[in-house]
PDB file of N, CA and C in Angstrom:
ATOM      1  N   MET A   1       0.814  -1.189  -0.002  1.00  0.00           N
ATOM      2  CA  MET A   1       0.001   0.003  -0.003  1.00  0.00           C
ATOM      3  C   MET A   1       0.866   1.256  -0.002  1.00  0.00           C
ATOM      4  N   GLU A   2       1.965   1.222   0.738  1.00  0.00           N
ATOM      5  CA  GLU A   2       2.834   2.390   0.837  1.00  0.00           C
ATOM      6  C   GLU A   2       3.344   2.804  -0.545  1.00  0.00           C
ATOM      7  N   ARG A   3       3.744   1.841  -1.348  1.00  0.00           N
ATOM      8  CA  ARG A   3       4.240   2.149  -2.693  1.00  0.00           C
ATOM      9  C   ARG A   3       3.146   2.735  -3.562  1.00  0.00           C
ATOM     10  N   SER A   4       1.952   2.167  -3.482  1.00  0.00           N
ATOM     11  CA  SER A   4       0.832   2.682  -4.273  1.00  0.00           C
ATOM     12  C   SER A   4       0.504   4.108  -3.886  1.00  0.00           C
ATOM     13  N   LEU A   5       0.495   4.374  -2.603  1.00  0.00           N
ATOM     14  CA  LEU A   5       0.205   5.724  -2.116  1.00  0.00           C
ATOM     15  C   LEU A   5       1.269   6.706  -2.597  1.00  0.00           C
ATOM     16  N   ALA A   6       2.529   6.298  -2.525  1.00  0.00           N
ATOM     17  CA  ALA A   6       3.629   7.145  -2.984  1.00  0.00           C
ATOM     18  C   ALA A   6       3.482   7.443  -4.474  1.00  0.00           C
ATOM     19  N   LYS A   7       3.115   6.456  -5.263  1.00  0.00           N
ATOM     20  CA  LYS A   7       2.947   6.660  -6.708  1.00  0.00           C
ATOM     21  C   LYS A   7       1.790   7.619  -6.992  1.00  0.00           C
ATOM     22  N   LEU A   8       0.691   7.462  -6.278  1.00  0.00           N
ATOM     23  CA  LEU A   8      -0.443   8.365  -6.460  1.00  0.00           C
ATOM     24  C   LEU A   8      -0.056   9.807  -6.126  1.00  0.00           C
ATOM     25  N   TYR A   9       0.660   9.975  -5.024  1.00  0.00           N
ATOM     26  CA  TYR A   9       1.106  11.291  -4.598  1.00  0.00           C
ATOM     27  C   TYR A   9       2.031  11.915  -5.633  1.00  0.00           C
ATOM     28  N   GLU A  10       3.005  11.144  -6.092  1.00  0.00           N
ATOM     29  CA  GLU A  10       3.961  11.639  -7.091  1.00  0.00           C
ATOM     30  C   GLU A  10       3.278  11.992  -8.406  1.00  0.00           C
ATOM     31  N   ALA A  11       2.173  11.292  -8.718  1.00  0.00           N
ATOM     32  CA  ALA A  11       1.432  11.555  -9.951  1.00  0.00           C
ATOM     33  C   ALA A  11       0.496  12.752  -9.816  1.00  0.00           C
ATOM     34  N   GLY A  12       0.402  13.300  -8.616  1.00  0.00           N
ATOM     35  CA  GLY A  12      -0.452  14.474  -8.405  1.00  0.00           C
ATOM     36  C   GLY A  12      -1.904  14.159  -8.117  1.00  0.00           C
ATOM     37  N   ALA A  13      -2.191  12.930  -7.696  1.00  0.00           N
ATOM     38  CA  ALA A  13      -3.569  12.559  -7.358  1.00  0.00           C
ATOM     39  C   ALA A  13      -4.070  13.412  -6.198  1.00  0.00           C
ATOM     40  N   ALA A  14      -5.347  13.721  -6.216  1.00  0.00           N
ATOM     41  CA  ALA A  14      -5.962  14.516  -5.140  1.00  0.00           C
ATOM     42  C   ALA A  14      -6.308  13.590  -3.979  1.00  0.00           C
ATOM     43  N   LEU A  15      -5.357  13.387  -3.094  1.00  0.00           N
ATOM     44  CA  LEU A  15      -5.551  12.489  -1.958  1.00  0.00           C
ATOM     45  C   LEU A  15      -6.324  13.199  -0.857  1.00  0.00           C
ATOM     46  N   VAL A  16      -7.250  12.479  -0.244  1.00  0.00           N
ATOM     47  CA  VAL A  16      -7.984  13.004   0.906  1.00  0.00           C
ATOM     48  C   VAL A  16      -8.028  11.937   1.995  1.00  0.00           C
ATOM     49  N   LEU A  17      -8.040  12.386   3.223  1.00  0.00           N
ATOM     50  CA  LEU A  17      -8.185  11.481   4.352  1.00  0.00           C
ATOM     51  C   LEU A  17      -9.665  11.207   4.546  1.00  0.00           C
ATOM     52  N   GLY A  18     -10.006   9.947   4.717  1.00  0.00           N
ATOM     53  CA  GLY A  18     -11.410   9.592   4.935  1.00  0.00           C
ATOM     54  C   GLY A  18     -11.574   8.817   6.219  1.00  0.00           C
ATOM     55  N   SER A  19     -12.657   9.091   6.932  1.00  0.00           N
ATOM     56  CA  SER A  19     -12.859   8.431   8.221  1.00  0.00           C
ATOM     57  C   SER A  19     -13.452   7.034   8.084  1.00  0.00           C
ATOM     58  N   ASP A  20     -14.246   6.791   7.048  1.00  0.00           N
ATOM     59  CA  ASP A  20     -14.944   5.510   6.911  1.00  0.00           C
ATOM     60  C   ASP A  20     -15.636   5.135   8.202  1.00  0.00           C
ATOM     61  N   SER A  21     -16.225   6.093   8.873  1.00  0.00           N
ATOM     62  CA  SER A  21     -16.914   5.832  10.138  1.00  0.00           C
ATOM     63  C   SER A  21     -17.978   4.773   9.944  1.00  0.00           C
ATOM     64  N   GLY A  22     -18.117   3.939  10.944  1.00  0.00           N
ATOM     65  CA  GLY A  22     -19.108   2.880  10.893  1.00  0.00           C
ATOM     66  C   GLY A  22     -18.565   1.559  10.412  1.00  0.00           C
ATOM     67  N   VAL A  23     -17.355   1.555   9.897  1.00  0.00           N
ATOM     68  CA  VAL A  23     -16.737   0.314   9.435  1.00  0.00           C
ATOM     69  C   VAL A  23     -16.249  -0.451  10.659  1.00  0.00           C
ATOM     70  N   GLN A  24     -16.505  -1.756  10.683  1.00  0.00           N
ATOM     71  CA  GLN A  24     -16.094  -2.583  11.815  1.00  0.00           C
ATOM     72  C   GLN A  24     -14.575  -2.505  12.003  1.00  0.00           C
ATOM     73  N   ASP A  25     -14.138  -2.449  13.251  1.00  0.00           N
ATOM     74  CA  ASP A  25     -12.728  -2.394  13.632  1.00  0.00           C
ATOM     75  C   ASP A  25     -12.029  -1.119  13.146  1.00  0.00           C
ATOM     76  N   HIS A  26     -12.786  -0.085  12.875  1.00  0.00           N
ATOM     77  CA  HIS A  26     -12.235   1.210  12.468  1.00  0.00           C
ATOM     78  C   HIS A  26     -12.619   2.206  13.555  1.00  0.00           C
ATOM     79  N   PHE A  27     -11.658   2.747  14.241  1.00  0.00           N
ATOM     80  CA  PHE A  27     -11.922   3.615  15.375  1.00  0.00           C
ATOM     81  C   PHE A  27     -11.707   5.059  14.965  1.00  0.00           C
ATOM     82  N   TYR A  28     -12.812   5.774  14.805  1.00  0.00           N
ATOM     83  CA  TYR A  28     -12.769   7.155  14.362  1.00  0.00           C
ATOM     84  C   TYR A  28     -11.836   7.957  15.250  1.00  0.00           C
ATOM     85  N   GLY A  29     -11.008   8.738  14.669  1.00  0.00           N
ATOM     86  CA  GLY A  29     -10.010   9.523  15.402  1.00  0.00           C
ATOM     87  C   GLY A  29      -8.680   8.816  15.394  1.00  0.00           C
ATOM     88  N   PHE A  30      -8.604   7.682  16.072  1.00  0.00           N
ATOM     89  CA  PHE A  30      -7.358   6.922  16.089  1.00  0.00           C
ATOM     90  C   PHE A  30      -6.947   6.566  14.664  1.00  0.00           C
ATOM     91  N   SER A  31      -7.890   6.098  13.870  1.00  0.00           N
ATOM     92  CA  SER A  31      -7.578   5.694  12.501  1.00  0.00           C
ATOM     93  C   SER A  31      -7.130   6.869  11.642  1.00  0.00           C
ATOM     94  N   ALA A  32      -7.692   8.053  11.894  1.00  0.00           N
ATOM     95  CA  ALA A  32      -7.267   9.235  11.140  1.00  0.00           C
ATOM     96  C   ALA A  32      -5.820   9.580  11.452  1.00  0.00           C
ATOM     97  N   HIS A  33      -5.457   9.506  12.722  1.00  0.00           N
ATOM     98  CA  HIS A  33      -4.059   9.775  13.098  1.00  0.00           C
ATOM     99  C   HIS A  33      -3.130   8.743  12.464  1.00  0.00           C
ATOM    100  N   ARG A  34      -3.552   7.512  12.457  1.00  0.00           N
ATOM    101  CA  ARG A  34      -2.735   6.446  11.855  1.00  0.00           C
ATOM    102  C   ARG A  34      -2.607   6.657  10.354  1.00  0.00           C
ATOM    103  N   GLU A  35      -3.688   7.054   9.705  1.00  0.00           N
ATOM    104  CA  GLU A  35      -3.648   7.296   8.258  1.00  0.00           C
ATOM    105  C   GLU A  35      -2.682   8.433   7.925  1.00  0.00           C
ATOM    106  N   LEU A  36      -2.674   9.489   8.729  1.00  0.00           N
ATOM    107  CA  LEU A  36      -1.713  10.582   8.518  1.00  0.00           C
ATOM    108  C   LEU A  36      -0.279  10.067   8.619  1.00  0.00           C
ATOM    109  N   ALA A  37      -0.020   9.246   9.622  1.00  0.00           N
ATOM    110  CA  ALA A  37       1.335   8.689   9.804  1.00  0.00           C
ATOM    111  C   ALA A  37       1.724   7.815   8.627  1.00  0.00           C
ATOM    112  N   LEU A  38       0.788   7.015   8.133  1.00  0.00           N
ATOM    113  CA  LEU A  38       1.079   6.154   6.980  1.00  0.00           C
ATOM    114  C   LEU A  38       1.387   6.986   5.734  1.00  0.00           C
ATOM    115  N   MET A  39       0.690   8.096   5.563  1.00  0.00           N
ATOM    116  CA  MET A  39       0.961   8.969   4.421  1.00  0.00           C
ATOM    117  C   MET A  39       2.399   9.504   4.485  1.00  0.00           C
ATOM    118  N   VAL A  40       2.809   9.952   5.657  1.00  0.00           N
ATOM    119  CA  VAL A  40       4.160  10.483   5.808  1.00  0.00           C
ATOM    120  C   VAL A  40       5.182   9.378   5.607  1.00  0.00           C
ATOM    121  N   GLU A  41       4.917   8.185   6.119  1.00  0.00           N
ATOM    122  CA  GLU A  41       5.817   7.056   5.897  1.00  0.00           C
ATOM    123  C   GLU A  41       5.961   6.726   4.416  1.00  0.00           C
ATOM    124  N   ALA A  42       4.924   7.014   3.640  1.00  0.00           N
ATOM    125  CA  ALA A  42       4.936   6.746   2.197  1.00  0.00           C
ATOM    126  C   ALA A  42       5.662   7.838   1.421  1.00  0.00           C
ATOM    127  N   GLY A  43       6.085   8.912   2.109  1.00  0.00           N
ATOM    128  CA  GLY A  43       6.841   9.961   1.424  1.00  0.00           C
ATOM    129  C   GLY A  43       6.080  11.260   1.220  1.00  0.00           C
ATOM    130  N   ILE A  44       4.848  11.329   1.701  1.00  0.00           N
ATOM    131  CA  ILE A  44       4.072  12.559   1.609  1.00  0.00           C
ATOM    132  C   ILE A  44       4.554  13.503   2.708  1.00  0.00           C
ATOM    133  N   SER A  45       4.727  14.764   2.380  1.00  0.00           N
ATOM    134  CA  SER A  45       5.189  15.727   3.393  1.00  0.00           C
ATOM    135  C   SER A  45       4.130  15.859   4.487  1.00  0.00           C
ATOM    136  N   PRO A  46       4.555  16.173   5.706  1.00  0.00           N
ATOM    137  CA  PRO A  46       3.578  16.386   6.775  1.00  0.00           C
ATOM    138  C   PRO A  46       2.528  17.449   6.421  1.00  0.00           C
ATOM    139  N   MET A  47       2.949  18.530   5.769  1.00  0.00           N
ATOM    140  CA  MET A  47       1.982  19.577   5.393  1.00  0.00           C
ATOM    141  C   MET A  47       0.946  19.044   4.407  1.00  0.00           C
ATOM    142  N   ASP A  48       1.392  18.310   3.394  1.00  0.00           N
ATOM    143  CA  ASP A  48       0.435  17.747   2.445  1.00  0.00           C
ATOM    144  C   ASP A  48      -0.466  16.709   3.101  1.00  0.00           C
ATOM    145  N   ALA A  49       0.076  15.930   4.024  1.00  0.00           N
ATOM    146  CA  ALA A  49      -0.755  14.963   4.754  1.00  0.00           C
ATOM    147  C   ALA A  49      -1.846  15.703   5.535  1.00  0.00           C
ATOM    148  N   LEU A  50      -1.469  16.789   6.205  1.00  0.00           N
ATOM    149  CA  LEU A  50      -2.460  17.574   6.946  1.00  0.00           C
ATOM    150  C   LEU A  50      -3.520  18.160   6.027  1.00  0.00           C
ATOM    151  N   ARG A  51      -3.116  18.572   4.849  1.00  0.00           N
ATOM    152  CA  ARG A  51      -4.092  19.114   3.881  1.00  0.00           C
ATOM    153  C   ARG A  51      -5.112  18.056   3.468  1.00  0.00           C
ATOM    154  N   THR A  52      -4.693  16.769   3.425  1.00  0.00           N
ATOM    155  CA  THR A  52      -5.653  15.720   3.053  1.00  0.00           C
ATOM    156  C   THR A  52      -6.772  15.625   4.079  1.00  0.00           C
ATOM    157  N   ALA A  53      -6.488  16.004   5.309  1.00  0.00           N
ATOM    158  CA  ALA A  53      -7.470  15.910   6.389  1.00  0.00           C
ATOM    159  C   ALA A  53      -8.235  17.214   6.596  1.00  0.00           C
ATOM    160  N   THR A  54      -7.818  18.278   5.936  1.00  0.00           N
ATOM    161  CA  THR A  54      -8.432  19.586   6.169  1.00  0.00           C
ATOM    162  C   THR A  54      -8.974  20.167   4.866  1.00  0.00           C
ATOM    163  N   SER A  55      -8.202  21.017   4.224  1.00  0.00           N
ATOM    164  CA  SER A  55      -8.700  21.753   3.059  1.00  0.00           C
ATOM    165  C   SER A  55      -9.071  20.852   1.879  1.00  0.00           C
ATOM    166  N   ARG A  56      -8.274  19.829   1.600  1.00  0.00           N
ATOM    167  CA  ARG A  56      -8.598  18.970   0.447  1.00  0.00           C
ATOM    168  C   ARG A  56      -9.872  18.168   0.680  1.00  0.00           C
ATOM    169  N   SER A  57     -10.044  17.672   1.887  1.00  0.00           N
ATOM    170  CA  SER A  57     -11.280  16.931   2.194  1.00  0.00           C
ATOM    171  C   SER A  57     -12.486  17.851   2.076  1.00  0.00           C
ATOM    172  N   ALA A  58     -12.376  19.044   2.626  1.00  0.00           N
ATOM    173  CA  ALA A  58     -13.484  20.016   2.548  1.00  0.00           C
ATOM    174  C   ALA A  58     -13.786  20.369   1.097  1.00  0.00           C
ATOM    175  N   ASP A  59     -12.746  20.605   0.305  1.00  0.00           N
ATOM    176  CA  ASP A  59     -12.946  20.938  -1.101  1.00  0.00           C
ATOM    177  C   ASP A  59     -13.657  19.806  -1.843  1.00  0.00           C
ATOM    178  N   ARG A  60     -13.216  18.571  -1.619  1.00  0.00           N
ATOM    179  CA  ARG A  60     -13.806  17.416  -2.304  1.00  0.00           C
ATOM    180  C   ARG A  60     -15.272  17.238  -1.957  1.00  0.00           C
ATOM    181  N   LEU A  61     -15.631  17.576  -0.713  1.00  0.00           N
ATOM    182  CA  LEU A  61     -17.012  17.430  -0.268  1.00  0.00           C
ATOM    183  C   LEU A  61     -17.854  18.671  -0.551  1.00  0.00           C
ATOM    184  N   GLY A  62     -17.220  19.712  -1.095  1.00  0.00           N
ATOM    185  CA  GLY A  62     -17.941  20.938  -1.413  1.00  0.00           C
ATOM    186  C   GLY A  62     -18.268  21.782  -0.198  1.00  0.00           C
ATOM    187  N   PHE A  63     -17.490  21.642   0.873  1.00  0.00           N
ATOM    188  CA  PHE A  63     -17.724  22.389   2.101  1.00  0.00           C
ATOM    189  C   PHE A  63     -16.874  23.650   2.105  1.00  0.00           C
ATOM    190  N   SER A  64     -17.362  24.727   1.519  1.00  0.00           N
ATOM    191  CA  SER A  64     -16.598  25.971   1.445  1.00  0.00           C
ATOM    192  C   SER A  64     -16.427  26.629   2.813  1.00  0.00           C
ATOM    193  N   TYR A  65     -17.255  26.252   3.769  1.00  0.00           N
ATOM    194  CA  TYR A  65     -17.222  26.827   5.100  1.00  0.00           C
ATOM    195  C   TYR A  65     -16.263  26.108   6.046  1.00  0.00           C
ATOM    196  N   SER A  66     -15.577  25.105   5.549  1.00  0.00           N
ATOM    197  CA  SER A  66     -14.791  24.231   6.410  1.00  0.00           C
ATOM    198  C   SER A  66     -13.425  23.955   5.788  1.00  0.00           C
ATOM    199  N   GLY A  67     -12.500  23.451   6.608  1.00  0.00           N
ATOM    200  CA  GLY A  67     -11.213  22.994   6.093  1.00  0.00           C
ATOM    201  C   GLY A  67     -10.077  24.004   6.147  1.00  0.00           C
ATOM    202  N   ARG A  68     -10.406  25.250   6.477  1.00  0.00           N
ATOM    203  CA  ARG A  68      -9.391  26.305   6.540  1.00  0.00           C
ATOM    204  C   ARG A  68      -9.755  27.278   7.661  1.00  0.00           C
ATOM    205  N   LEU A  69      -8.752  27.916   8.210  1.00  0.00           N
ATOM    206  CA  LEU A  69      -8.998  29.003   9.153  1.00  0.00           C
ATOM    207  C   LEU A  69      -8.974  30.298   8.370  1.00  0.00           C
ATOM    208  N   ARG A  70     -10.134  30.914   8.228  1.00  0.00           N
ATOM    209  CA  ARG A  70     -10.248  32.173   7.484  1.00  0.00           C
ATOM    210  C   ARG A  70     -11.566  32.846   7.874  1.00  0.00           C
ATOM    211  N   PRO A  71     -11.678  34.137   7.622  1.00  0.00           N
ATOM    212  CA  PRO A  71     -12.922  34.851   7.954  1.00  0.00           C
ATOM    213  C   PRO A  71     -14.118  34.200   7.254  1.00  0.00           C
ATOM    214  N   GLY A  72     -15.176  33.991   7.998  1.00  0.00           N
ATOM    215  CA  GLY A  72     -16.394  33.412   7.458  1.00  0.00           C
ATOM    216  C   GLY A  72     -16.439  31.891   7.500  1.00  0.00           C
ATOM    217  N   ALA A  73     -15.314  31.255   7.799  1.00  0.00           N
ATOM    218  CA  ALA A  73     -15.289  29.795   7.891  1.00  0.00           C
ATOM    219  C   ALA A  73     -15.820  29.359   9.253  1.00  0.00           C
ATOM    220  N   ARG A  74     -16.126  28.106   9.386  1.00  0.00           N
ATOM    221  CA  ARG A  74     -16.762  27.569  10.582  1.00  0.00           C
ATOM    222  C   ARG A  74     -15.847  27.558  11.815  1.00  0.00           C
ATOM    223  N   ALA A  75     -14.588  27.433  11.667  1.00  0.00           N
ATOM    224  CA  ALA A  75     -13.610  27.426  12.766  1.00  0.00           C
ATOM    225  C   ALA A  75     -13.731  26.197  13.671  1.00  0.00           C
ATOM    226  N   ASP A  76     -13.695  25.023  13.056  1.00  0.00           N
ATOM    227  CA  ASP A  76     -13.532  23.768  13.797  1.00  0.00           C
ATOM    228  C   ASP A  76     -12.035  23.458  13.733  1.00  0.00           C
ATOM    229  N   PHE A  77     -11.388  23.385  14.891  1.00  0.00           N
ATOM    230  CA  PHE A  77      -9.946  23.128  14.878  1.00  0.00           C
ATOM    231  C   PHE A  77      -9.499  22.571  16.218  1.00  0.00           C
ATOM    232  N   ILE A  78      -8.256  22.091  16.231  1.00  0.00           N
ATOM    233  CA  ILE A  78      -7.656  21.579  17.458  1.00  0.00           C
ATOM    234  C   ILE A  78      -6.375  22.358  17.744  1.00  0.00           C
ATOM    235  N   ILE A  79      -5.999  22.409  19.003  1.00  0.00           N
ATOM    236  CA  ILE A  79      -4.733  22.989  19.432  1.00  0.00           C
ATOM    237  C   ILE A  79      -3.833  21.819  19.816  1.00  0.00           C
ATOM    238  N   LEU A  80      -2.618  21.837  19.306  1.00  0.00           N
ATOM    239  CA  LEU A  80      -1.682  20.747  19.565  1.00  0.00           C
ATOM    240  C   LEU A  80      -0.547  21.191  20.472  1.00  0.00           C
ATOM    241  N   GLU A  81      -0.023  20.250  21.218  1.00  0.00           N
ATOM    242  CA  GLU A  81       1.091  20.492  22.129  1.00  0.00           C
ATOM    243  C   GLU A  81       2.398  20.723  21.378  1.00  0.00           C
ATOM    244  N   ALA A  82       2.518  20.139  20.186  1.00  0.00           N
ATOM    245  CA  ALA A  82       3.747  20.256  19.391  1.00  0.00           C
ATOM    246  C   ALA A  82       3.373  20.237  17.914  1.00  0.00           C
ATOM    247  N   SER A  83       4.255  20.721  17.077  1.00  0.00           N
ATOM    248  CA  SER A  83       3.973  20.856  15.647  1.00  0.00           C
ATOM    249  C   SER A  83       3.944  19.523  14.916  1.00  0.00           C
ATOM    250  N   PRO A  84       2.883  19.257  14.161  1.00  0.00           N
ATOM    251  CA  PRO A  84       2.838  18.048  13.337  1.00  0.00           C
ATOM    252  C   PRO A  84       3.760  18.154  12.125  1.00  0.00           C
ATOM    253  N   LEU A  85       4.260  19.345  11.841  1.00  0.00           N
ATOM    254  CA  LEU A  85       5.216  19.479  10.740  1.00  0.00           C
ATOM    255  C   LEU A  85       6.569  18.910  11.140  1.00  0.00           C
ATOM    256  N   ASP A  86       6.848  18.886  12.437  1.00  0.00           N
ATOM    257  CA  ASP A  86       8.088  18.283  12.945  1.00  0.00           C
ATOM    258  C   ASP A  86       7.946  16.769  13.056  1.00  0.00           C
ATOM    259  N   ASP A  87       6.770  16.319  13.470  1.00  0.00           N
ATOM    260  CA  ASP A  87       6.481  14.895  13.617  1.00  0.00           C
ATOM    261  C   ASP A  87       4.966  14.738  13.507  1.00  0.00           C
ATOM    262  N   ILE A  88       4.507  14.079  12.461  1.00  0.00           N
ATOM    263  CA  ILE A  88       3.076  13.968  12.195  1.00  0.00           C
ATOM    264  C   ILE A  88       2.335  13.320  13.358  1.00  0.00           C
ATOM    265  N   ARG A  89       3.039  12.527  14.155  1.00  0.00           N
ATOM    266  CA  ARG A  89       2.390  11.897  15.321  1.00  0.00           C
ATOM    267  C   ARG A  89       1.984  12.915  16.372  1.00  0.00           C
ATOM    268  N   ASN A  90       2.465  14.136  16.235  1.00  0.00           N
ATOM    269  CA  ASN A  90       2.061  15.192  17.163  1.00  0.00           C
ATOM    270  C   ASN A  90       0.588  15.556  17.022  1.00  0.00           C
ATOM    271  N   THR A  91      -0.075  15.100  15.966  1.00  0.00           N
ATOM    272  CA  THR A  91      -1.522  15.325  15.852  1.00  0.00           C
ATOM    273  C   THR A  91      -2.275  14.629  16.979  1.00  0.00           C
ATOM    274  N   ARG A  92      -1.633  13.695  17.626  1.00  0.00           N
ATOM    275  CA  ARG A  92      -2.255  12.964  18.746  1.00  0.00           C
ATOM    276  C   ARG A  92      -2.128  13.725  20.070  1.00  0.00           C
ATOM    277  N   ARG A  93      -1.329  14.772  20.078  1.00  0.00           N
ATOM    278  CA  ARG A  93      -1.054  15.516  21.317  1.00  0.00           C
ATOM    279  C   ARG A  93      -1.977  16.734  21.409  1.00  0.00           C
ATOM    280  N   ILE A  94      -3.253  16.472  21.507  1.00  0.00           N
ATOM    281  CA  ILE A  94      -4.290  17.501  21.468  1.00  0.00           C
ATOM    282  C   ILE A  94      -4.472  18.125  22.849  1.00  0.00           C
ATOM    283  N   THR A  95      -4.415  19.458  22.889  1.00  0.00           N
ATOM    284  CA  THR A  95      -4.626  20.165  24.150  1.00  0.00           C
ATOM    285  C   THR A  95      -5.912  20.992  24.139  1.00  0.00           C
ATOM    286  N   GLY A  96      -6.491  21.210  22.971  1.00  0.00           N
ATOM    287  CA  GLY A  96      -7.734  21.975  22.885  1.00  0.00           C
ATOM    288  C   GLY A  96      -8.536  21.587  21.659  1.00  0.00           C
ATOM    289  N   VAL A  97      -9.857  21.647  21.804  1.00  0.00           N
ATOM    290  CA  VAL A  97     -10.770  21.343  20.704  1.00  0.00           C
ATOM    291  C   VAL A  97     -11.761  22.501  20.589  1.00  0.00           C
ATOM    292  N   TYR A  98     -11.942  22.997  19.365  1.00  0.00           N
ATOM    293  CA  TYR A  98     -12.878  24.091  19.105  1.00  0.00           C
ATOM    294  C   TYR A  98     -13.862  23.660  18.033  1.00  0.00           C
ATOM    295  N   LEU A  99     -15.131  23.910  18.275  1.00  0.00           N
ATOM    296  CA  LEU A  99     -16.194  23.584  17.340  1.00  0.00           C
ATOM    297  C   LEU A  99     -16.968  24.861  17.071  1.00  0.00           C
ATOM    298  N   ALA A 100     -16.985  25.281  15.809  1.00  0.00           N
ATOM    299  CA  ALA A 100     -17.615  26.545  15.421  1.00  0.00           C
ATOM    300  C   ALA A 100     -17.086  27.711  16.262  1.00  0.00           C
ATOM    301  N   GLY A 101     -15.781  27.672  16.535  1.00  0.00           N
ATOM    302  CA  GLY A 101     -15.128  28.744  17.267  1.00  0.00           C
ATOM    303  C   GLY A 101     -15.267  28.698  18.780  1.00  0.00           C
ATOM    304  N   GLU A 102     -16.002  27.732  19.291  1.00  0.00           N
ATOM    305  CA  GLU A 102     -16.217  27.603  20.734  1.00  0.00           C
ATOM    306  C   GLU A 102     -15.361  26.488  21.310  1.00  0.00           C
ATOM    307  N   ALA A 103     -14.692  26.776  22.431  1.00  0.00           N
ATOM    308  CA  ALA A 103     -13.899  25.741  23.112  1.00  0.00           C
ATOM    309  C   ALA A 103     -14.815  24.652  23.627  1.00  0.00           C
ATOM    310  N   ILE A 104     -14.393  23.409  23.435  1.00  0.00           N
ATOM    311  CA  ILE A 104     -15.167  22.249  23.862  1.00  0.00           C
ATOM    312  C   ILE A 104     -14.400  21.534  24.964  1.00  0.00           C
ATOM    313  N   ASP A 105     -15.100  21.192  26.023  1.00  0.00           N
ATOM    314  CA  ASP A 105     -14.502  20.396  27.092  1.00  0.00           C
ATOM    315  C   ASP A 105     -14.319  18.983  26.584  1.00  0.00           C
ATOM    316  N   ARG A 106     -13.077  18.522  26.539  1.00  0.00           N
ATOM    317  CA  ARG A 106     -12.786  17.179  26.007  1.00  0.00           C
ATOM    318  C   ARG A 106     -13.586  16.099  26.716  1.00  0.00           C
ATOM    319  N   ASN A 107     -13.884  16.286  27.974  1.00  0.00           N
ATOM    320  CA  ASN A 107     -14.617  15.285  28.737  1.00  0.00           C
ATOM    321  C   ASN A 107     -16.086  15.174  28.330  1.00  0.00           C
ATOM    322  N   THR A 108     -16.599  16.194  27.632  1.00  0.00           N
ATOM    323  CA  THR A 108     -18.007  16.160  27.234  1.00  0.00           C
ATOM    324  C   THR A 108     -18.194  15.913  25.742  1.00  0.00           C
ATOM    325  N   LEU A 109     -17.124  15.627  25.015  1.00  0.00           N
ATOM    326  CA  LEU A 109     -17.241  15.415  23.569  1.00  0.00           C
ATOM    327  C   LEU A 109     -18.238  14.316  23.221  1.00  0.00           C
ATOM    328  N   VAL A 110     -18.259  13.240  23.977  1.00  0.00           N
ATOM    329  CA  VAL A 110     -19.164  12.128  23.667  1.00  0.00           C
ATOM    330  C   VAL A 110     -20.627  12.512  23.848  1.00  0.00           C
ATOM    331  N   GLU A 111     -20.897  13.579  24.579  1.00  0.00           N
ATOM    332  CA  GLU A 111     -22.267  14.022  24.821  1.00  0.00           C
ATOM    333  C   GLU A 111     -22.801  14.940  23.729  1.00  0.00           C
ATOM    334  N   LEU A 112     -21.942  15.438  22.851  1.00  0.00           N
ATOM    335  CA  LEU A 112     -22.373  16.384  21.830  1.00  0.00           C
ATOM    336  C   LEU A 112     -23.276  15.733  20.800  1.00  0.00           C
ATOM    337  N   ASP A 113     -24.319  16.445  20.416  1.00  0.00           N
ATOM    338  CA  ASP A 113     -25.200  16.013  19.333  1.00  0.00           C
ATOM    339  C   ASP A 113     -24.793  16.825  18.111  1.00  0.00           C
ATOM    340  N   LEU A 114     -23.967  16.236  17.241  1.00  0.00           N
ATOM    341  CA  LEU A 114     -23.421  16.958  16.097  1.00  0.00           C
ATOM    342  C   LEU A 114     -24.284  16.837  14.857  1.00  0.00           C
ATOM    343  N   CYS A 115     -25.382  16.119  14.936  1.00  0.00           N
ATOM    344  CA  CYS A 115     -26.238  15.921  13.753  1.00  0.00           C
ATOM    345  C   CYS A 115     -27.426  16.839  13.773  1.00  0.00           C
TER     346      CYS A 115
END
């Protein structure tokens, strides 16, 4: 898989990170972090890997209000303890979560009704 991913990246394919939520043995969140790490292991730069999970995914889904921090955007983002550009595994070192610009208590995330 690593070679195939590297070839797609080198060919300029529009790669996006997908959650595949609901798939058996796929743990939303953990799997996204693992997918980012696999992309970097395949030779994708950390910045491009992050774009697959943010702006490129939003663009592919037609979500103009999401995927970037800019005026008028929804402002869903996380604060990290260390830069994922230095080590993509730093995406797991989350210190803050914001949904529509509002800080979310990590302990109450499971209680949110996002639908």
